[in-house]
Amino acid sequence: MLDTVRLYLEATVAVAIMAMLGIISGFATVALTGDGRLAFFVAAVAFVLTAIMLTVRLWRMTTTPIPPPEAPT
């Protein structure tokens, strides 16, 4: 039960990070260019790239083998 809650919490945090970076990049694009369509495109690209980065990071964390503990000498 707690593992499921933790999974949903981590997914919510990941989506919040992706949305925050997308919104910030979109506002920065509007401030620099004044083009709303370009800002939407940049925000969407930032959202997708952040999702890819977080997915690859999660994949690498879960596929890296954990070394066995060394025996005390």
C-alpha atoms as a PDB file:
ATOM      1  CA  MET A   1       0.000   0.000   0.000  1.00  0.00           C
ATOM      2  CA  LEU A   2       2.710   2.489   0.961  1.00  0.00           C
ATOM      3  CA  ASP A   3       4.734   1.571  -2.121  1.00  0.00           C
ATOM      4  CA  THR A   4       1.769   2.506  -4.304  1.00  0.00           C
ATOM      5  CA  VAL A   5       1.350   5.843  -2.541  1.00  0.00           C
ATOM      6  CA  ARG A   6       5.066   6.542  -2.916  1.00  0.00           C
ATOM      7  CA  LEU A   7       4.913   5.686  -6.614  1.00  0.00           C
ATOM      8  CA  TYR A   8       2.029   8.111  -7.187  1.00  0.00           C
ATOM      9  CA  LEU A   9       3.778  10.805  -5.152  1.00  0.00           C
ATOM     10  CA  GLU A  10       6.988  10.460  -7.153  1.00  0.00           C
ATOM     11  CA  ALA A  11       5.041  10.512 -10.427  1.00  0.00           C
ATOM     12  CA  THR A  12       3.240  13.672  -9.311  1.00  0.00           C
ATOM     13  CA  VAL A  13       6.539  15.340  -8.445  1.00  0.00           C
ATOM     14  CA  ALA A  14       8.002  14.323 -11.813  1.00  0.00           C
ATOM     15  CA  VAL A  15       5.036  15.786 -13.714  1.00  0.00           C
ATOM     16  CA  ALA A  16       5.251  18.966 -11.620  1.00  0.00           C
ATOM     17  CA  ILE A  17       8.948  19.328 -12.495  1.00  0.00           C
ATOM     18  CA  MET A  18       8.206  18.776 -16.177  1.00  0.00           C
ATOM     19  CA  ALA A  19       5.357  21.308 -16.133  1.00  0.00           C
ATOM     20  CA  MET A  20       7.418  23.892 -14.233  1.00  0.00           C
ATOM     21  CA  LEU A  21      10.295  23.712 -16.719  1.00  0.00           C
ATOM     22  CA  GLY A  22       7.858  23.887 -19.629  1.00  0.00           C
ATOM     23  CA  ILE A  23       6.058  26.917 -18.210  1.00  0.00           C
ATOM     24  CA  ILE A  24       9.284  28.748 -17.388  1.00  0.00           C
ATOM     25  CA  SER A  25      10.701  28.136 -20.862  1.00  0.00           C
ATOM     26  CA  GLY A  26       7.412  29.191 -22.455  1.00  0.00           C
ATOM     27  CA  PHE A  27       7.307  32.459 -20.511  1.00  0.00           C
ATOM     28  CA  ALA A  28      10.964  33.122 -21.325  1.00  0.00           C
ATOM     29  CA  THR A  29      10.254  32.564 -25.021  1.00  0.00           C
ATOM     30  CA  VAL A  30       7.292  34.956 -24.948  1.00  0.00           C
ATOM     31  CA  ALA A  31       9.402  37.556 -23.160  1.00  0.00           C
ATOM     32  CA  LEU A  32      12.215  37.255 -25.695  1.00  0.00           C
ATOM     33  CA  THR A  33      10.267  36.870 -28.932  1.00  0.00           C
ATOM     34  CA  GLY A  34       6.668  37.915 -28.253  1.00  0.00           C
ATOM     35  CA  ASP A  35       5.417  34.936 -30.293  1.00  0.00           C
ATOM     36  CA  GLY A  36       2.805  32.879 -28.451  1.00  0.00           C
ATOM     37  CA  ARG A  37       2.826  29.968 -30.891  1.00  0.00           C
ATOM     38  CA  LEU A  38       6.591  29.621 -30.617  1.00  0.00           C
ATOM     39  CA  ALA A  39       6.332  29.802 -26.829  1.00  0.00           C
ATOM     40  CA  PHE A  40       3.811  26.952 -26.796  1.00  0.00           C
ATOM     41  CA  PHE A  41       6.095  24.878 -28.998  1.00  0.00           C
ATOM     42  CA  VAL A  42       9.132  25.576 -26.796  1.00  0.00           C
ATOM     43  CA  ALA A  43       7.137  24.732 -23.651  1.00  0.00           C
ATOM     44  CA  ALA A  44       5.977  21.442 -25.187  1.00  0.00           C
ATOM     45  CA  VAL A  45       9.519  20.543 -26.249  1.00  0.00           C
ATOM     46  CA  ALA A  46      10.861  21.363 -22.781  1.00  0.00           C
ATOM     47  CA  PHE A  47       8.126  19.197 -21.233  1.00  0.00           C
ATOM     48  CA  VAL A  48       8.940  16.247 -23.499  1.00  0.00           C
ATOM     49  CA  LEU A  49      12.715  16.567 -23.093  1.00  0.00           C
ATOM     50  CA  THR A  50      12.362  16.687 -19.319  1.00  0.00           C
ATOM     51  CA  ALA A  51      10.156  13.583 -19.457  1.00  0.00           C
ATOM     52  CA  ILE A  52      12.770  11.781 -21.549  1.00  0.00           C
ATOM     53  CA  MET A  53      15.567  12.817 -19.191  1.00  0.00           C
ATOM     54  CA  LEU A  54      13.659  11.647 -16.101  1.00  0.00           C
ATOM     55  CA  THR A  55      12.682   8.384 -17.786  1.00  0.00           C
ATOM     56  CA  VAL A  56      16.270   7.613 -18.804  1.00  0.00           C
ATOM     57  CA  ARG A  57      17.460   8.490 -15.307  1.00  0.00           C
ATOM     58  CA  LEU A  58      14.901   6.144 -13.767  1.00  0.00           C
ATOM     59  CA  TRP A  59      15.767   3.402 -16.252  1.00  0.00           C
ATOM     60  CA  ARG A  60      19.488   3.692 -15.449  1.00  0.00           C
ATOM     61  CA  MET A  61      18.814   3.631 -11.711  1.00  0.00           C
ATOM     62  CA  THR A  62      16.750   0.458 -11.975  1.00  0.00           C
ATOM     63  CA  THR A  63      19.019  -1.446 -14.378  1.00  0.00           C
ATOM     64  CA  THR A  64      22.331  -0.819 -12.623  1.00  0.00           C
ATOM     65  CA  PRO A  65      23.172  -3.931 -10.644  1.00  0.00           C
ATOM     66  CA  ILE A  66      23.777  -3.453  -6.954  1.00  0.00           C
ATOM     67  CA  PRO A  67      27.170  -4.846  -6.017  1.00  0.00           C
ATOM     68  CA  PRO A  68      27.091  -7.559  -3.366  1.00  0.00           C
ATOM     69  CA  PRO A  69      28.296  -6.524   0.052  1.00  0.00           C
ATOM     70  CA  GLU A  70      31.891  -7.391   0.712  1.00  0.00           C
ATOM     71  CA  ALA A  71      32.654  -9.897   3.399  1.00  0.00           C
ATOM     72  CA  PRO A  72      34.313  -8.401   6.464  1.00  0.00           C
ATOM     73  CA  THR A  73      37.996  -9.202   6.690  1.00  0.00           C
END
